[in-house]
N, C-alpha and C. Protein backbone atom coordinates (compact mmCIF):
# COMPACT_ATOMS: atom_id res chain seq x y z
N UNK A 1 -24.38 94.58 -58.98
CA UNK A 1 -23.03 94.92 -59.39
C UNK A 1 -23.05 95.36 -60.86
N UNK A 2 -22.02 96.08 -61.23
CA UNK A 2 -21.89 96.49 -62.63
C UNK A 2 -20.44 96.38 -63.10
N UNK A 3 -20.29 96.20 -64.38
CA UNK A 3 -19.02 96.34 -65.08
C UNK A 3 -19.35 97.15 -66.32
N UNK A 4 -18.36 97.84 -66.85
CA UNK A 4 -18.63 98.62 -68.06
C UNK A 4 -17.40 98.68 -68.96
N UNK A 5 -17.67 99.04 -70.20
CA UNK A 5 -16.59 99.29 -71.15
C UNK A 5 -17.08 100.31 -72.17
N UNK A 6 -16.14 100.87 -72.89
CA UNK A 6 -16.45 101.89 -73.89
C UNK A 6 -15.90 101.45 -75.24
N UNK A 7 -16.71 101.62 -76.26
CA UNK A 7 -16.27 101.42 -77.63
C UNK A 7 -15.95 102.82 -78.15
N UNK A 8 -14.71 103.06 -78.47
CA UNK A 8 -14.22 104.40 -78.78
C UNK A 8 -14.44 104.82 -80.23
N UNK A 9 -15.59 104.56 -80.73
CA UNK A 9 -15.99 104.99 -82.06
C UNK A 9 -17.45 104.59 -82.23
N UNK A 10 -18.07 105.00 -83.29
CA UNK A 10 -19.43 104.52 -83.53
C UNK A 10 -19.33 103.29 -84.42
N UNK A 11 -20.34 102.45 -84.35
CA UNK A 11 -20.39 101.24 -85.17
C UNK A 11 -21.22 101.51 -86.42
N UNK A 12 -21.06 100.67 -87.44
CA UNK A 12 -21.94 100.80 -88.59
C UNK A 12 -23.39 100.64 -88.15
N UNK A 13 -24.29 101.19 -88.90
CA UNK A 13 -25.71 101.06 -88.61
C UNK A 13 -26.31 99.89 -89.38
N UNK A 14 -27.55 99.58 -89.05
CA UNK A 14 -28.25 98.49 -89.71
C UNK A 14 -28.40 98.75 -91.21
N UNK A 15 -28.60 100.01 -91.59
CA UNK A 15 -28.71 100.33 -93.02
C UNK A 15 -27.41 100.04 -93.76
N UNK A 16 -26.28 100.37 -93.15
CA UNK A 16 -24.98 100.09 -93.77
C UNK A 16 -24.75 98.59 -93.89
N UNK A 17 -25.10 97.87 -92.83
CA UNK A 17 -24.95 96.41 -92.84
C UNK A 17 -25.80 95.80 -93.95
N UNK A 18 -27.05 96.20 -94.06
CA UNK A 18 -27.96 95.66 -95.08
C UNK A 18 -27.45 95.99 -96.49
N UNK A 19 -27.01 97.21 -96.70
CA UNK A 19 -26.50 97.59 -98.02
C UNK A 19 -25.26 96.78 -98.37
N UNK A 20 -24.39 96.56 -97.40
CA UNK A 20 -23.18 95.78 -97.61
C UNK A 20 -23.52 94.34 -97.95
N UNK A 21 -24.52 93.79 -97.27
CA UNK A 21 -24.95 92.42 -97.51
C UNK A 21 -25.54 92.27 -98.92
N UNK A 22 -26.28 93.27 -99.37
CA UNK A 22 -26.89 93.22 -100.70
C UNK A 22 -25.85 93.37 -101.80
N UNK A 23 -24.83 94.17 -101.55
CA UNK A 23 -23.81 94.44 -102.56
C UNK A 23 -22.89 93.24 -102.77
N UNK A 24 -22.68 92.47 -101.73
CA UNK A 24 -21.75 91.34 -101.79
C UNK A 24 -22.24 90.31 -100.80
N UNK A 25 -22.42 89.07 -101.22
CA UNK A 25 -23.04 88.10 -100.33
C UNK A 25 -22.23 87.86 -99.05
N UNK A 26 -20.94 88.19 -99.04
CA UNK A 26 -20.14 88.06 -97.83
C UNK A 26 -19.83 89.41 -97.18
N UNK A 27 -20.31 90.49 -97.77
CA UNK A 27 -20.00 91.83 -97.28
C UNK A 27 -20.51 92.09 -95.88
N UNK A 28 -21.74 91.68 -95.60
CA UNK A 28 -22.29 91.87 -94.27
C UNK A 28 -21.54 91.07 -93.22
N UNK A 29 -21.16 89.84 -93.58
CA UNK A 29 -20.42 89.00 -92.65
C UNK A 29 -19.06 89.61 -92.32
N UNK A 30 -18.39 90.14 -93.32
CA UNK A 30 -17.09 90.78 -93.10
C UNK A 30 -17.25 92.01 -92.21
N UNK A 31 -18.30 92.81 -92.45
CA UNK A 31 -18.55 93.99 -91.64
C UNK A 31 -18.80 93.60 -90.18
N UNK A 32 -19.61 92.55 -89.96
CA UNK A 32 -19.90 92.10 -88.60
C UNK A 32 -18.64 91.60 -87.91
N UNK A 33 -17.84 90.78 -88.60
CA UNK A 33 -16.61 90.25 -88.00
C UNK A 33 -15.63 91.37 -87.65
N UNK A 34 -15.50 92.35 -88.52
CA UNK A 34 -14.59 93.47 -88.27
C UNK A 34 -15.04 94.26 -87.04
N UNK A 35 -16.32 94.57 -86.98
CA UNK A 35 -16.86 95.30 -85.82
C UNK A 35 -16.72 94.48 -84.54
N UNK A 36 -17.02 93.20 -84.62
CA UNK A 36 -16.95 92.35 -83.43
C UNK A 36 -15.52 92.25 -82.91
N UNK A 37 -14.55 92.13 -83.78
CA UNK A 37 -13.14 92.07 -83.35
C UNK A 37 -12.73 93.36 -82.64
N UNK A 38 -13.17 94.50 -83.15
CA UNK A 38 -12.86 95.78 -82.49
C UNK A 38 -13.49 95.85 -81.10
N UNK A 39 -14.71 95.35 -80.97
CA UNK A 39 -15.40 95.35 -79.68
C UNK A 39 -14.70 94.39 -78.72
N UNK A 40 -14.30 93.23 -79.21
CA UNK A 40 -13.59 92.26 -78.36
C UNK A 40 -12.32 92.91 -77.79
N UNK A 41 -11.62 93.69 -78.61
CA UNK A 41 -10.42 94.38 -78.13
C UNK A 41 -10.77 95.34 -76.99
N UNK A 42 -11.86 96.09 -77.14
CA UNK A 42 -12.30 97.04 -76.11
C UNK A 42 -12.68 96.31 -74.82
N UNK A 43 -13.34 95.16 -74.95
CA UNK A 43 -13.71 94.37 -73.78
C UNK A 43 -12.46 93.88 -73.06
N UNK A 44 -11.51 93.37 -73.79
CA UNK A 44 -10.26 92.89 -73.17
C UNK A 44 -9.50 94.04 -72.51
N UNK A 45 -9.47 95.19 -73.17
CA UNK A 45 -8.78 96.36 -72.60
C UNK A 45 -9.42 96.81 -71.29
N UNK A 46 -10.73 96.62 -71.16
CA UNK A 46 -11.44 97.02 -69.94
C UNK A 46 -11.27 95.99 -68.81
N UNK A 47 -10.68 94.83 -69.14
CA UNK A 47 -10.41 93.77 -68.15
C UNK A 47 -11.68 93.33 -67.42
N UNK A 48 -12.73 93.11 -68.18
CA UNK A 48 -13.98 92.63 -67.60
C UNK A 48 -13.80 91.21 -67.07
N UNK A 49 -14.53 90.90 -66.05
CA UNK A 49 -14.52 89.55 -65.46
C UNK A 49 -15.75 88.79 -65.95
N UNK A 50 -15.62 87.47 -66.12
CA UNK A 50 -16.78 86.67 -66.53
C UNK A 50 -17.93 86.81 -65.52
N UNK A 51 -19.15 86.79 -66.07
CA UNK A 51 -20.35 86.95 -65.25
C UNK A 51 -21.18 85.68 -65.37
N UNK A 52 -21.52 85.09 -64.24
CA UNK A 52 -22.28 83.84 -64.23
C UNK A 52 -23.79 84.07 -64.20
N UNK A 53 -24.23 85.15 -63.58
CA UNK A 53 -25.67 85.39 -63.44
C UNK A 53 -26.21 86.15 -64.65
N UNK A 54 -27.53 86.14 -64.84
CA UNK A 54 -28.12 86.91 -65.96
C UNK A 54 -27.80 88.40 -65.84
N UNK A 55 -27.70 89.05 -66.99
CA UNK A 55 -27.34 90.47 -67.01
C UNK A 55 -28.42 91.29 -67.70
N UNK A 56 -28.45 92.56 -67.35
CA UNK A 56 -29.17 93.58 -68.09
C UNK A 56 -28.11 94.48 -68.70
N UNK A 57 -28.25 94.80 -69.96
CA UNK A 57 -27.25 95.63 -70.64
C UNK A 57 -27.82 97.02 -70.86
N UNK A 58 -27.05 98.02 -70.45
CA UNK A 58 -27.44 99.42 -70.65
C UNK A 58 -26.48 100.02 -71.68
N UNK A 59 -27.03 100.43 -72.80
CA UNK A 59 -26.25 101.03 -73.88
C UNK A 59 -26.46 102.54 -73.87
N UNK A 60 -25.39 103.30 -74.04
CA UNK A 60 -25.51 104.73 -74.29
C UNK A 60 -24.71 105.04 -75.55
N UNK A 61 -25.44 105.43 -76.58
CA UNK A 61 -24.84 105.73 -77.88
C UNK A 61 -24.61 107.23 -77.99
N UNK A 62 -23.37 107.63 -78.16
CA UNK A 62 -23.00 109.03 -78.35
C UNK A 62 -22.67 109.21 -79.83
N UNK A 63 -23.56 109.87 -80.54
CA UNK A 63 -23.44 110.06 -81.98
C UNK A 63 -22.95 111.47 -82.29
N UNK A 64 -22.31 111.69 -83.45
CA UNK A 64 -21.85 113.03 -83.80
C UNK A 64 -22.99 113.98 -84.20
N UNK A 65 -24.14 113.40 -84.56
CA UNK A 65 -25.30 114.20 -84.96
C UNK A 65 -26.55 113.34 -84.83
N UNK A 66 -27.68 113.93 -85.17
CA UNK A 66 -28.95 113.19 -85.14
C UNK A 66 -29.29 112.61 -86.52
N UNK A 67 -28.32 112.49 -87.37
CA UNK A 67 -28.56 112.06 -88.75
C UNK A 67 -29.10 110.63 -88.85
N UNK A 68 -28.57 109.70 -88.06
CA UNK A 68 -29.02 108.30 -88.14
C UNK A 68 -30.20 108.07 -87.19
N UNK A 69 -31.14 107.24 -87.62
CA UNK A 69 -32.27 106.87 -86.78
C UNK A 69 -31.78 106.01 -85.62
N UNK A 70 -32.45 106.13 -84.50
CA UNK A 70 -32.05 105.39 -83.30
C UNK A 70 -32.09 103.88 -83.51
N UNK A 71 -33.12 103.38 -84.19
CA UNK A 71 -33.20 101.94 -84.40
C UNK A 71 -32.10 101.46 -85.36
N UNK A 72 -31.67 102.30 -86.28
CA UNK A 72 -30.58 101.98 -87.18
C UNK A 72 -29.26 101.89 -86.40
N UNK A 73 -29.07 102.78 -85.46
CA UNK A 73 -27.85 102.79 -84.63
C UNK A 73 -27.80 101.54 -83.76
N UNK A 74 -28.89 101.28 -83.04
CA UNK A 74 -28.89 100.24 -82.01
C UNK A 74 -28.99 98.82 -82.57
N UNK A 75 -29.69 98.61 -83.66
CA UNK A 75 -29.95 97.26 -84.14
C UNK A 75 -28.69 96.44 -84.39
N UNK A 76 -27.80 96.96 -85.20
CA UNK A 76 -26.55 96.26 -85.50
C UNK A 76 -25.66 96.20 -84.26
N UNK A 77 -25.62 97.28 -83.50
CA UNK A 77 -24.75 97.34 -82.31
C UNK A 77 -25.13 96.27 -81.29
N UNK A 78 -26.41 96.10 -81.02
CA UNK A 78 -26.84 95.07 -80.07
C UNK A 78 -26.28 93.71 -80.46
N UNK A 79 -26.44 93.36 -81.71
CA UNK A 79 -26.00 92.05 -82.20
C UNK A 79 -24.51 91.84 -82.01
N UNK A 80 -23.70 92.77 -82.50
CA UNK A 80 -22.25 92.54 -82.45
C UNK A 80 -21.69 92.69 -81.04
N UNK A 81 -22.24 93.57 -80.25
CA UNK A 81 -21.75 93.72 -78.87
C UNK A 81 -22.07 92.47 -78.06
N UNK A 82 -23.29 91.96 -78.18
CA UNK A 82 -23.66 90.76 -77.43
C UNK A 82 -22.86 89.56 -77.90
N UNK A 83 -22.63 89.43 -79.20
CA UNK A 83 -21.80 88.33 -79.71
C UNK A 83 -20.37 88.46 -79.19
N UNK A 84 -19.85 89.67 -79.09
CA UNK A 84 -18.50 89.88 -78.57
C UNK A 84 -18.41 89.53 -77.08
N UNK A 85 -19.46 89.81 -76.33
CA UNK A 85 -19.48 89.43 -74.91
C UNK A 85 -19.42 87.92 -74.76
N UNK A 86 -20.07 87.20 -75.66
CA UNK A 86 -20.03 85.73 -75.63
C UNK A 86 -18.65 85.23 -76.07
N UNK A 87 -18.14 85.74 -77.19
CA UNK A 87 -16.86 85.24 -77.73
C UNK A 87 -15.68 85.52 -76.81
N UNK A 88 -15.77 86.55 -75.97
CA UNK A 88 -14.69 86.84 -75.02
C UNK A 88 -14.89 86.11 -73.69
N UNK A 89 -16.00 85.40 -73.55
CA UNK A 89 -16.23 84.63 -72.33
C UNK A 89 -16.80 85.42 -71.17
N UNK A 90 -17.24 86.64 -71.42
CA UNK A 90 -17.82 87.45 -70.33
C UNK A 90 -19.19 86.88 -69.94
N UNK A 91 -19.97 86.47 -70.91
CA UNK A 91 -21.22 85.77 -70.65
C UNK A 91 -21.20 84.46 -71.44
N UNK A 92 -21.97 83.49 -70.96
CA UNK A 92 -21.97 82.16 -71.60
C UNK A 92 -22.70 82.16 -72.94
N UNK A 93 -23.78 82.90 -73.02
CA UNK A 93 -24.61 82.91 -74.23
C UNK A 93 -25.40 84.22 -74.24
N UNK A 94 -25.99 84.54 -75.38
CA UNK A 94 -26.81 85.74 -75.45
C UNK A 94 -28.30 85.41 -75.55
N UNK A 95 -28.65 84.22 -75.11
CA UNK A 95 -30.05 83.78 -75.10
C UNK A 95 -30.80 84.41 -73.93
N UNK A 96 -32.09 84.17 -73.87
CA UNK A 96 -32.98 84.75 -72.87
C UNK A 96 -32.52 84.49 -71.44
N UNK A 97 -31.97 83.32 -71.17
CA UNK A 97 -31.55 82.97 -69.81
C UNK A 97 -30.33 83.76 -69.34
N UNK A 98 -29.60 84.37 -70.25
CA UNK A 98 -28.36 85.06 -69.91
C UNK A 98 -28.45 86.58 -70.01
N UNK A 99 -29.33 87.07 -70.87
CA UNK A 99 -29.57 88.51 -71.00
C UNK A 99 -31.05 88.74 -70.72
N UNK A 100 -31.32 89.40 -69.60
CA UNK A 100 -32.72 89.59 -69.20
C UNK A 100 -33.38 90.75 -69.93
N UNK A 101 -32.57 91.67 -70.44
CA UNK A 101 -33.09 92.82 -71.17
C UNK A 101 -32.00 93.85 -71.39
N UNK A 102 -32.40 94.96 -71.98
CA UNK A 102 -31.44 96.04 -72.22
C UNK A 102 -32.18 97.36 -72.31
N UNK A 103 -31.40 98.41 -72.13
CA UNK A 103 -31.93 99.76 -72.30
C UNK A 103 -31.03 100.50 -73.28
N UNK A 104 -31.60 101.47 -73.95
CA UNK A 104 -30.84 102.31 -74.88
C UNK A 104 -31.02 103.77 -74.50
N UNK A 105 -29.93 104.50 -74.53
CA UNK A 105 -29.95 105.94 -74.37
C UNK A 105 -29.13 106.53 -75.51
N UNK A 106 -29.51 107.72 -75.95
CA UNK A 106 -28.83 108.35 -77.08
C UNK A 106 -28.48 109.78 -76.72
N UNK A 107 -27.27 110.19 -77.10
CA UNK A 107 -26.81 111.55 -76.84
C UNK A 107 -25.90 111.97 -77.99
N UNK A 108 -25.57 113.24 -78.00
CA UNK A 108 -24.70 113.79 -79.05
C UNK A 108 -23.32 114.11 -78.46
N UNK A 109 -22.28 113.64 -79.15
CA UNK A 109 -20.90 114.02 -78.85
C UNK A 109 -20.24 114.25 -80.21
N UNK A 110 -20.23 115.49 -80.65
CA UNK A 110 -19.76 115.82 -82.00
C UNK A 110 -18.28 115.49 -82.21
N UNK A 111 -17.49 115.59 -81.15
CA UNK A 111 -16.04 115.41 -81.30
C UNK A 111 -15.57 113.97 -81.13
N UNK A 112 -16.21 113.23 -80.25
CA UNK A 112 -15.76 111.87 -79.97
C UNK A 112 -16.95 110.91 -79.84
N UNK A 113 -17.54 110.52 -80.97
CA UNK A 113 -18.64 109.55 -80.88
C UNK A 113 -18.13 108.25 -80.26
N UNK A 114 -18.96 107.64 -79.44
CA UNK A 114 -18.57 106.40 -78.77
C UNK A 114 -19.82 105.71 -78.22
N UNK A 115 -19.62 104.53 -77.67
CA UNK A 115 -20.70 103.77 -77.06
C UNK A 115 -20.23 103.32 -75.69
N UNK A 116 -21.02 103.60 -74.67
CA UNK A 116 -20.75 103.10 -73.33
C UNK A 116 -21.70 101.94 -73.08
N UNK A 117 -21.14 100.83 -72.58
CA UNK A 117 -21.93 99.64 -72.32
C UNK A 117 -21.77 99.27 -70.84
N UNK A 118 -22.88 99.22 -70.13
CA UNK A 118 -22.87 98.86 -68.71
C UNK A 118 -23.58 97.52 -68.55
N UNK A 119 -22.91 96.59 -67.89
CA UNK A 119 -23.46 95.27 -67.63
C UNK A 119 -23.90 95.24 -66.17
N UNK A 120 -25.18 95.06 -65.92
CA UNK A 120 -25.72 95.05 -64.57
C UNK A 120 -26.15 93.62 -64.22
N UNK A 121 -25.78 93.17 -63.01
CA UNK A 121 -26.08 91.78 -62.64
C UNK A 121 -26.07 91.62 -61.12
N UNK A 122 -26.65 90.52 -60.68
CA UNK A 122 -26.61 90.14 -59.27
C UNK A 122 -25.37 89.30 -59.05
N UNK A 123 -24.76 89.45 -57.90
CA UNK A 123 -23.55 88.67 -57.63
C UNK A 123 -23.89 87.30 -57.17
């Protein structure tokens, strides 16, 4: 089975998060909380149902250009998206027993950058 949701914008990258953390000792935390709250809203809007079995997460990042490195895009996103899935009660935890793995795909959408997240699981 699958469920999915879309984040209707791009998230900050790992480089932005690191720079924010270095500039202000609470800057990175504020950036993470702000991004996580936006993702939680998207999850609630998609009306996802809680999942009891382990999941595989498939991410598709649609960027406006190839300017950011793929690992910079995905690193911060994985963390905040998985934390948002836990905080909204969709999954119990983001530990090994609950997330079996993930895949990343990258594409260009110059007009509407976004992230599609597909949760795959056994019923």
